[in-house]
Amino acid sequence: MTMHRLKNVLIAALVATGTLLGATAAVQANTLDSILEVGESRNKAARESQVKIDRLADETRDLLTDYKAVMKQVDGLKVYNARLQRQIDNQMRRIADIEESINEVTVIQRQMTPLVIRMIDSLEQFVNLDVPFNIDERRERIAFLRSNVDRSDLTVAEKFRQVLEAYNIELQYGRGFDSYSDSIEINGVIRDVDFLRIGRLSLVYQTTDGNESGVWNNETKSWDPLPSGDYANDIRKGVRIAKRQATIDLLNMPVAAPEAN
């Protein structure tokens, strides 16, 4: 009896122990699952966080690259703006110089017109006192200059240039060798003649028939006849040389003696 009771107690104890062990195992399994779930959640969160960190790092790197590029452009713009500022400063100084020059030009222009008129008067006086070659052409040039003085469509600079050009033409006359045909009065008769001009040293004529020759006397403002045998051939040759019908050669020409001081 006693032995039977002990067996029952032992069986009951074993059953209780098995039940306890089963419950404990179940609890431990649930706990392990919870731990694994928490670990998995943490790992997932860590992975998501890493993705965010990588994305932010990429964005930060891109922003840094953009920042460096922008700063490089800013540095370039600073250099460019500094150069532009120097150019602007130079242009402002040039504008100031131009404005000052304009003011000076205005004063000069007021003085230039009287100067041009005086130069034309001097040129006219010179032509009237000079050897009378190409006299019509030279007087027409002076009349042209006078007509331009009052023209409003010509600048003072252009009027001055024209006067200087006329002076230069007169200067070239003194170095030229020229022949042209015209008519003059000889002993009360209009005769066709060939003129030969050697600079301003000598102005002679010869009638087209070659019978009469003469030289201009600038002191008496008249023509002096020349002996036909002394200069006729040389005048004829000089006319042909001036017209490029003969080669250059020595000529025996009448020249006024230099005045004593």
C-alpha atoms as a PDB file:
ATOM      1  CA  MET A   1       0.000   0.000   0.000  1.00  0.00           C
ATOM      2  CA  THR A   2       2.665   2.298   1.019  1.00  0.00           C
ATOM      3  CA  MET A   3       4.655   1.390  -2.021  1.00  0.00           C
ATOM      4  CA  HIS A   4       1.653   2.108  -4.223  1.00  0.00           C
ATOM      5  CA  ARG A   5       1.192   5.469  -2.657  1.00  0.00           C
ATOM      6  CA  LEU A   6       4.827   6.384  -3.193  1.00  0.00           C
ATOM      7  CA  LYS A   7       4.500   5.440  -6.825  1.00  0.00           C
ATOM      8  CA  ASN A   8       1.521   7.691  -7.194  1.00  0.00           C
ATOM      9  CA  VAL A   9       3.340  10.521  -5.495  1.00  0.00           C
ATOM     10  CA  LEU A  10       6.397   9.963  -7.660  1.00  0.00           C
ATOM     11  CA  ILE A  11       4.283   9.897 -10.809  1.00  0.00           C
ATOM     12  CA  ALA A  12       2.490  13.020  -9.722  1.00  0.00           C
ATOM     13  CA  ALA A  13       5.826  14.685  -9.014  1.00  0.00           C
ATOM     14  CA  LEU A  14       7.141  13.655 -12.375  1.00  0.00           C
ATOM     15  CA  VAL A  15       4.003  14.885 -14.084  1.00  0.00           C
ATOM     16  CA  ALA A  16       4.284  18.196 -12.253  1.00  0.00           C
ATOM     17  CA  THR A  17       7.923  18.470 -13.091  1.00  0.00           C
ATOM     18  CA  GLY A  18       7.252  17.758 -16.756  1.00  0.00           C
ATOM     19  CA  THR A  19       4.516  20.303 -16.824  1.00  0.00           C
ATOM     20  CA  LEU A  20       6.815  22.858 -15.201  1.00  0.00           C
ATOM     21  CA  LEU A  21       9.591  22.072 -17.621  1.00  0.00           C
ATOM     22  CA  GLY A  22       7.200  22.364 -20.544  1.00  0.00           C
ATOM     23  CA  ALA A  23       5.951  25.705 -19.327  1.00  0.00           C
ATOM     24  CA  THR A  24       9.479  26.905 -18.780  1.00  0.00           C
ATOM     25  CA  ALA A  25      10.503  25.837 -22.262  1.00  0.00           C
ATOM     26  CA  ALA A  26       7.517  27.570 -23.739  1.00  0.00           C
ATOM     27  CA  VAL A  27       8.352  30.727 -21.862  1.00  0.00           C
ATOM     28  CA  GLN A  28      11.974  30.533 -22.929  1.00  0.00           C
ATOM     29  CA  ALA A  29      10.923  29.986 -26.555  1.00  0.00           C
ATOM     30  CA  ASN A  30       8.648  33.003 -26.438  1.00  0.00           C
ATOM     31  CA  THR A  31      11.420  35.066 -24.870  1.00  0.00           C
ATOM     32  CA  LEU A  32      13.905  33.976 -27.530  1.00  0.00           C
ATOM     33  CA  ASP A  33      11.474  34.833 -30.291  1.00  0.00           C
ATOM     34  CA  SER A  34      10.943  38.234 -28.736  1.00  0.00           C
ATOM     35  CA  ILE A  35      14.684  38.775 -28.502  1.00  0.00           C
ATOM     36  CA  LEU A  36      15.140  37.718 -32.118  1.00  0.00           C
ATOM     37  CA  GLU A  37      12.325  39.994 -33.224  1.00  0.00           C
ATOM     38  CA  VAL A  38      13.861  42.888 -31.325  1.00  0.00           C
ATOM     39  CA  GLY A  39      17.263  42.148 -32.852  1.00  0.00           C
ATOM     40  CA  GLU A  40      15.749  41.921 -36.301  1.00  0.00           C
ATOM     41  CA  SER A  41      13.920  45.199 -35.750  1.00  0.00           C
ATOM     42  CA  ARG A  42      17.126  46.801 -34.581  1.00  0.00           C
ATOM     43  CA  ASN A  43      18.998  45.430 -37.558  1.00  0.00           C
ATOM     44  CA  LYS A  44      16.286  46.691 -39.907  1.00  0.00           C
ATOM     45  CA  ALA A  45      16.337  50.085 -38.230  1.00  0.00           C
ATOM     46  CA  ALA A  46      20.132  50.082 -38.427  1.00  0.00           C
ATOM     47  CA  ARG A  47      19.993  49.247 -42.142  1.00  0.00           C
ATOM     48  CA  GLU A  48      17.427  51.980 -42.753  1.00  0.00           C
ATOM     49  CA  SER A  49      19.525  54.388 -40.712  1.00  0.00           C
ATOM     50  CA  GLN A  50      22.621  53.427 -42.714  1.00  0.00           C
ATOM     51  CA  VAL A  51      20.723  54.027 -45.958  1.00  0.00           C
ATOM     52  CA  LYS A  52      19.698  57.451 -44.693  1.00  0.00           C
ATOM     53  CA  ILE A  53      23.252  58.134 -43.562  1.00  0.00           C
ATOM     54  CA  ASP A  54      24.626  57.108 -46.961  1.00  0.00           C
ATOM     55  CA  ARG A  55      22.039  59.254 -48.741  1.00  0.00           C
ATOM     56  CA  LEU A  56      22.807  62.227 -46.510  1.00  0.00           C
ATOM     57  CA  ALA A  57      26.524  61.654 -47.043  1.00  0.00           C
ATOM     58  CA  ASP A  58      25.995  61.620 -50.817  1.00  0.00           C
ATOM     59  CA  GLU A  59      23.872  64.751 -50.635  1.00  0.00           C
ATOM     60  CA  THR A  60      26.446  66.416 -48.386  1.00  0.00           C
ATOM     61  CA  ARG A  61      29.231  65.454 -50.792  1.00  0.00           C
ATOM     62  CA  ASP A  62      27.225  66.775 -53.746  1.00  0.00           C
ATOM     63  CA  LEU A  63      26.475  69.982 -51.865  1.00  0.00           C
ATOM     64  CA  LEU A  64      30.156  70.352 -51.017  1.00  0.00           C
ATOM     65  CA  THR A  65      31.097  69.821 -54.677  1.00  0.00           C
ATOM     66  CA  ASP A  66      28.497  72.384 -55.753  1.00  0.00           C
ATOM     67  CA  TYR A  67      29.726  74.768 -53.064  1.00  0.00           C
ATOM     68  CA  LYS A  68      33.324  74.460 -54.224  1.00  0.00           C
ATOM     69  CA  ALA A  69      32.234  75.013 -57.856  1.00  0.00           C
ATOM     70  CA  VAL A  70      30.181  78.068 -56.871  1.00  0.00           C
ATOM     71  CA  MET A  71      33.051  79.468 -54.795  1.00  0.00           C
ATOM     72  CA  LYS A  72      35.395  78.976 -57.738  1.00  0.00           C
ATOM     73  CA  GLN A  73      32.942  80.922 -59.942  1.00  0.00           C
ATOM     74  CA  VAL A  74      32.683  83.581 -57.266  1.00  0.00           C
ATOM     75  CA  ASP A  75      36.482  83.917 -57.160  1.00  0.00           C
ATOM     76  CA  GLY A  76      36.534  84.175 -60.959  1.00  0.00           C
ATOM     77  CA  LEU A  77      33.788  86.800 -60.883  1.00  0.00           C
ATOM     78  CA  LYS A  78      35.732  88.776 -58.280  1.00  0.00           C
ATOM     79  CA  VAL A  79      38.782  88.827 -60.543  1.00  0.00           C
ATOM     80  CA  TYR A  80      36.619  89.697 -63.564  1.00  0.00           C
ATOM     81  CA  ASN A  81      34.804  92.455 -61.672  1.00  0.00           C
ATOM     82  CA  ALA A  82      38.118  93.867 -60.461  1.00  0.00           C
ATOM     83  CA  ARG A  83      39.383  94.001 -64.046  1.00  0.00           C
ATOM     84  CA  LEU A  84      36.134  95.581 -65.228  1.00  0.00           C
ATOM     85  CA  GLN A  85      36.414  98.158 -62.480  1.00  0.00           C
ATOM     86  CA  ARG A  86      39.919  99.068 -63.635  1.00  0.00           C
ATOM     87  CA  GLN A  87      38.630  99.377 -67.210  1.00  0.00           C
ATOM     88  CA  ILE A  88      35.742 101.539 -66.030  1.00  0.00           C
ATOM     89  CA  ASP A  89      38.160 103.741 -64.072  1.00  0.00           C
ATOM     90  CA  ASN A  90      40.354 104.124 -67.156  1.00  0.00           C
ATOM     91  CA  GLN A  91      37.311 104.926 -69.298  1.00  0.00           C
ATOM     92  CA  MET A  92      36.137 107.518 -66.790  1.00  0.00           C
ATOM     93  CA  ARG A  93      39.574 109.163 -66.880  1.00  0.00           C
ATOM     94  CA  ARG A  94      39.485 109.052 -70.686  1.00  0.00           C
ATOM     95  CA  ILE A  95      36.010 110.589 -70.703  1.00  0.00           C
ATOM     96  CA  ALA A  96      37.296 113.356 -68.455  1.00  0.00           C
ATOM     97  CA  ASP A  97      40.241 113.936 -70.827  1.00  0.00           C
ATOM     98  CA  ILE A  98      37.907 113.960 -73.844  1.00  0.00           C
ATOM     99  CA  GLU A  99      35.584 116.446 -72.168  1.00  0.00           C
ATOM    100  CA  GLU A 100      38.558 118.658 -71.400  1.00  0.00           C
ATOM    101  CA  SER A 101      39.740 118.318 -75.012  1.00  0.00           C
ATOM    102  CA  ILE A 102      36.263 119.193 -76.267  1.00  0.00           C
ATOM    103  CA  ASN A 103      36.333 122.349 -74.188  1.00  0.00           C
ATOM    104  CA  GLU A 104      39.749 123.186 -75.610  1.00  0.00           C
ATOM    105  CA  VAL A 105      38.575 122.410 -79.155  1.00  0.00           C
ATOM    106  CA  THR A 106      35.684 124.821 -78.715  1.00  0.00           C
ATOM    107  CA  VAL A 107      38.151 127.575 -77.869  1.00  0.00           C
ATOM    108  CA  ILE A 108      40.436 126.576 -80.733  1.00  0.00           C
ATOM    109  CA  GLN A 109      37.555 126.520 -83.212  1.00  0.00           C
ATOM    110  CA  ARG A 110      36.684 130.108 -82.344  1.00  0.00           C
ATOM    111  CA  GLN A 111      40.275 131.040 -83.087  1.00  0.00           C
ATOM    112  CA  MET A 112      40.654 128.883 -86.189  1.00  0.00           C
ATOM    113  CA  THR A 113      38.209 130.727 -88.435  1.00  0.00           C
ATOM    114  CA  PRO A 114      40.054 134.085 -88.177  1.00  0.00           C
ATOM    115  CA  LEU A 115      43.309 132.185 -88.762  1.00  0.00           C
ATOM    116  CA  VAL A 116      41.921 130.531 -91.907  1.00  0.00           C
ATOM    117  CA  ILE A 117      40.773 133.916 -93.229  1.00  0.00           C
ATOM    118  CA  ARG A 118      44.206 135.465 -92.590  1.00  0.00           C
ATOM    119  CA  MET A 119      45.896 132.531 -94.334  1.00  0.00           C
ATOM    120  CA  ILE A 120      43.656 132.955 -97.395  1.00  0.00           C
ATOM    121  CA  ASP A 121      44.401 136.689 -97.474  1.00  0.00           C
ATOM    122  CA  SER A 122      48.138 135.959 -97.274  1.00  0.00           C
ATOM    123  CA  LEU A 123      47.877 133.372-100.019  1.00  0.00           C
ATOM    124  CA  GLU A 124      46.014 135.782-102.282  1.00  0.00           C
ATOM    125  CA  GLN A 125      48.574 138.496-101.676  1.00  0.00           C
ATOM    126  CA  PHE A 126      51.382 136.038-102.415  1.00  0.00           C
ATOM    127  CA  VAL A 127      49.797 134.956-105.718  1.00  0.00           C
ATOM    128  CA  ASN A 128      49.292 138.581-106.795  1.00  0.00           C
ATOM    129  CA  LEU A 129      52.955 139.326-106.094  1.00  0.00           C
ATOM    130  CA  ASP A 130      54.280 136.062-107.511  1.00  0.00           C
ATOM    131  CA  VAL A 131      55.268 135.159-111.052  1.00  0.00           C
ATOM    132  CA  PRO A 132      51.963 135.019-112.990  1.00  0.00           C
ATOM    133  CA  PHE A 133      51.902 131.381-114.077  1.00  0.00           C
ATOM    134  CA  ASN A 134      48.632 129.439-114.058  1.00  0.00           C
ATOM    135  CA  ILE A 135      47.152 132.617-112.672  1.00  0.00           C
ATOM    136  CA  ASP A 136      43.505 131.778-113.432  1.00  0.00           C
ATOM    137  CA  GLU A 137      43.759 128.366-111.796  1.00  0.00           C
ATOM    138  CA  ARG A 138      45.424 129.788-108.684  1.00  0.00           C
ATOM    139  CA  ARG A 139      42.895 132.594-108.291  1.00  0.00           C
ATOM    140  CA  GLU A 140      40.023 130.152-108.729  1.00  0.00           C
ATOM    141  CA  ARG A 141      41.506 128.056-105.932  1.00  0.00           C
ATOM    142  CA  ILE A 142      41.592 131.091-103.644  1.00  0.00           C
ATOM    143  CA  ALA A 143      38.001 131.986-104.556  1.00  0.00           C
ATOM    144  CA  PHE A 144      36.998 128.421-103.740  1.00  0.00           C
ATOM    145  CA  LEU A 145      38.637 128.692-100.307  1.00  0.00           C
ATOM    146  CA  ARG A 146      36.857 131.981 -99.594  1.00  0.00           C
ATOM    147  CA  SER A 147      33.495 130.515-100.555  1.00  0.00           C
ATOM    148  CA  ASN A 148      34.033 127.656 -98.123  1.00  0.00           C
ATOM    149  CA  VAL A 149      34.716 129.882 -95.134  1.00  0.00           C
ATOM    150  CA  ASP A 150      31.010 130.614 -94.587  1.00  0.00           C
ATOM    151  CA  ARG A 151      29.776 127.091 -95.347  1.00  0.00           C
ATOM    152  CA  SER A 152      28.041 125.498 -92.366  1.00  0.00           C
ATOM    153  CA  ASP A 153      28.351 121.955 -93.719  1.00  0.00           C
ATOM    154  CA  LEU A 154      32.148 122.055 -93.487  1.00  0.00           C
ATOM    155  CA  THR A 155      34.017 121.784 -90.225  1.00  0.00           C
ATOM    156  CA  VAL A 156      36.705 124.246 -89.299  1.00  0.00           C
ATOM    157  CA  ALA A 157      39.211 121.402 -89.505  1.00  0.00           C
ATOM    158  CA  GLU A 158      38.213 120.687 -93.110  1.00  0.00           C
ATOM    159  CA  LYS A 159      38.474 124.373 -94.056  1.00  0.00           C
ATOM    160  CA  PHE A 160      41.924 124.520 -92.470  1.00  0.00           C
ATOM    161  CA  ARG A 161      42.956 121.338 -94.314  1.00  0.00           C
ATOM    162  CA  GLN A 162      41.915 122.835 -97.656  1.00  0.00           C
ATOM    163  CA  VAL A 163      43.962 125.976 -96.988  1.00  0.00           C
ATOM    164  CA  LEU A 164      47.002 123.873 -96.065  1.00  0.00           C
ATOM    165  CA  GLU A 165      46.549 121.886 -99.267  1.00  0.00           C
ATOM    166  CA  ALA A 166      46.523 125.129-101.294  1.00  0.00           C
ATOM    167  CA  TYR A 167      49.731 126.216 -99.537  1.00  0.00           C
ATOM    168  CA  ASN A 168      51.301 122.860-100.365  1.00  0.00           C
ATOM    169  CA  ILE A 169      50.357 123.240-104.034  1.00  0.00           C
ATOM    170  CA  GLU A 170      52.044 126.635-104.124  1.00  0.00           C
ATOM    171  CA  LEU A 171      55.087 125.080-102.472  1.00  0.00           C
ATOM    172  CA  GLN A 172      55.265 122.403-105.151  1.00  0.00           C
ATOM    173  CA  TYR A 173      55.134 125.058-107.865  1.00  0.00           C
ATOM    174  CA  GLY A 174      58.549 126.271-106.708  1.00  0.00           C
ATOM    175  CA  ARG A 175      60.000 122.827-107.367  1.00  0.00           C
ATOM    176  CA  GLY A 176      58.231 122.058-110.638  1.00  0.00           C
ATOM    177  CA  PHE A 177      59.122 122.201-114.301  1.00  0.00           C
ATOM    178  CA  ASP A 178      56.041 122.863-116.384  1.00  0.00           C
ATOM    179  CA  SER A 179      54.783 123.985-119.786  1.00  0.00           C
ATOM    180  CA  TYR A 180      51.311 125.043-120.820  1.00  0.00           C
ATOM    181  CA  SER A 181      49.632 127.031-123.595  1.00  0.00           C
ATOM    182  CA  ASP A 182      47.739 130.296-123.186  1.00  0.00           C
ATOM    183  CA  SER A 183      47.264 133.720-124.759  1.00  0.00           C
ATOM    184  CA  ILE A 184      48.900 137.039-123.819  1.00  0.00           C
ATOM    185  CA  GLU A 185      49.019 140.528-125.246  1.00  0.00           C
ATOM    186  CA  ILE A 186      52.230 141.315-127.099  1.00  0.00           C
ATOM    187  CA  ASN A 187      52.609 144.842-128.456  1.00  0.00           C
ATOM    188  CA  GLY A 188      48.864 145.351-128.286  1.00  0.00           C
ATOM    189  CA  VAL A 189      48.075 142.064-130.064  1.00  0.00           C
ATOM    190  CA  ILE A 190      46.711 138.880-128.422  1.00  0.00           C
ATOM    191  CA  ARG A 191      49.050 136.055-129.311  1.00  0.00           C
ATOM    192  CA  ASP A 192      48.917 132.301-128.631  1.00  0.00           C
ATOM    193  CA  VAL A 193      52.066 131.275-126.829  1.00  0.00           C
ATOM    194  CA  ASP A 194      53.689 128.326-125.051  1.00  0.00           C
ATOM    195  CA  PHE A 195      54.806 129.073-121.524  1.00  0.00           C
ATOM    196  CA  LEU A 196      57.765 127.389-119.879  1.00  0.00           C
ATOM    197  CA  ARG A 197      58.084 127.623-116.095  1.00  0.00           C
ATOM    198  CA  ILE A 198      61.183 126.536-114.211  1.00  0.00           C
ATOM    199  CA  GLY A 199      60.146 126.658-110.575  1.00  0.00           C
ATOM    200  CA  ARG A 200      59.899 130.312-109.664  1.00  0.00           C
ATOM    201  CA  LEU A 201      63.298 131.081-111.164  1.00  0.00           C
ATOM    202  CA  SER A 202      62.140 131.766-114.669  1.00  0.00           C
ATOM    203  CA  LEU A 203      58.882 132.109-116.609  1.00  0.00           C
ATOM    204  CA  VAL A 204      59.295 132.507-120.352  1.00  0.00           C
ATOM    205  CA  TYR A 205      57.030 132.332-123.366  1.00  0.00           C
ATOM    206  CA  GLN A 206      57.412 131.625-127.044  1.00  0.00           C
ATOM    207  CA  THR A 207      54.855 132.270-129.717  1.00  0.00           C
ATOM    208  CA  THR A 208      53.509 129.194-131.451  1.00  0.00           C
ATOM    209  CA  ASP A 209      55.325 130.168-134.641  1.00  0.00           C
ATOM    210  CA  GLY A 210      58.603 130.373-132.667  1.00  0.00           C
ATOM    211  CA  ASN A 211      59.415 133.878-133.874  1.00  0.00           C
ATOM    212  CA  GLU A 212      59.071 135.748-130.586  1.00  0.00           C
ATOM    213  CA  SER A 213      60.118 134.949-127.034  1.00  0.00           C
ATOM    214  CA  GLY A 214      59.997 136.817-123.746  1.00  0.00           C
ATOM    215  CA  VAL A 215      60.607 136.510-119.998  1.00  0.00           C
ATOM    216  CA  TRP A 216      58.593 137.783-117.071  1.00  0.00           C
ATOM    217  CA  ASN A 217      60.197 140.617-115.116  1.00  0.00           C
ATOM    218  CA  ASN A 218      58.784 140.407-111.603  1.00  0.00           C
ATOM    219  CA  GLU A 219      60.189 143.784-110.643  1.00  0.00           C
ATOM    220  CA  THR A 220      58.408 145.683-113.409  1.00  0.00           C
ATOM    221  CA  LYS A 221      55.501 143.199-113.522  1.00  0.00           C
ATOM    222  CA  SER A 222      55.804 143.008-117.299  1.00  0.00           C
ATOM    223  CA  TRP A 223      57.160 140.857-120.109  1.00  0.00           C
ATOM    224  CA  ASP A 224      60.601 141.603-121.449  1.00  0.00           C
ATOM    225  CA  PRO A 225      61.282 140.487-125.051  1.00  0.00           C
ATOM    226  CA  LEU A 226      64.221 138.151-125.591  1.00  0.00           C
ATOM    227  CA  PRO A 227      66.562 138.161-128.566  1.00  0.00           C
ATOM    228  CA  SER A 228      65.352 135.402-130.832  1.00  0.00           C
ATOM    229  CA  GLY A 229      68.822 133.985-131.379  1.00  0.00           C
ATOM    230  CA  ASP A 230      69.844 133.731-127.712  1.00  0.00           C
ATOM    231  CA  TYR A 231      67.113 131.624-126.081  1.00  0.00           C
ATOM    232  CA  ALA A 232      64.685 130.539-128.821  1.00  0.00           C
ATOM    233  CA  ASN A 233      66.126 127.058-129.301  1.00  0.00           C
ATOM    234  CA  ASP A 234      66.495 126.411-125.555  1.00  0.00           C
ATOM    235  CA  ILE A 235      62.938 127.578-124.847  1.00  0.00           C
ATOM    236  CA  ARG A 236      61.643 125.339-127.618  1.00  0.00           C
ATOM    237  CA  LYS A 237      63.653 122.429-126.251  1.00  0.00           C
ATOM    238  CA  GLY A 238      62.494 123.169-122.699  1.00  0.00           C
ATOM    239  CA  VAL A 239      58.841 123.104-123.801  1.00  0.00           C
ATOM    240  CA  ARG A 240      59.376 119.724-125.436  1.00  0.00           C
ATOM    241  CA  ILE A 241      61.143 118.385-122.324  1.00  0.00           C
ATOM    242  CA  ALA A 242      58.322 119.618-120.066  1.00  0.00           C
ATOM    243  CA  LYS A 243      55.789 117.881-122.338  1.00  0.00           C
ATOM    244  CA  ARG A 244      57.954 114.751-122.203  1.00  0.00           C
ATOM    245  CA  GLN A 245      58.614 114.918-125.915  1.00  0.00           C
ATOM    246  CA  ALA A 246      62.377 115.103-125.431  1.00  0.00           C
ATOM    247  CA  THR A 247      64.976 113.863-122.956  1.00  0.00           C
ATOM    248  CA  ILE A 248      66.244 116.053-120.153  1.00  0.00           C
ATOM    249  CA  ASP A 249      69.141 118.298-121.175  1.00  0.00           C
ATOM    250  CA  LEU A 250      70.938 121.449-120.051  1.00  0.00           C
ATOM    251  CA  LEU A 251      69.137 124.663-120.973  1.00  0.00           C
ATOM    252  CA  ASN A 252      70.349 128.206-121.271  1.00  0.00           C
ATOM    253  CA  MET A 253      67.558 130.225-119.666  1.00  0.00           C
ATOM    254  CA  PRO A 254      67.202 133.844-118.534  1.00  0.00           C
ATOM    255  CA  VAL A 255      67.136 134.062-114.713  1.00  0.00           C
ATOM    256  CA  ALA A 256      66.742 137.219-112.692  1.00  0.00           C
ATOM    257  CA  ALA A 257      69.848 138.190-110.739  1.00  0.00           C
ATOM    258  CA  PRO A 258      69.569 137.802-106.944  1.00  0.00           C
ATOM    259  CA  GLU A 259      68.792 140.988-105.042  1.00  0.00           C
ATOM    260  CA  ALA A 260      71.503 142.485-102.862  1.00  0.00           C
ATOM    261  CA  ASN A 261      70.840 142.579 -99.129  1.00  0.00           C
END
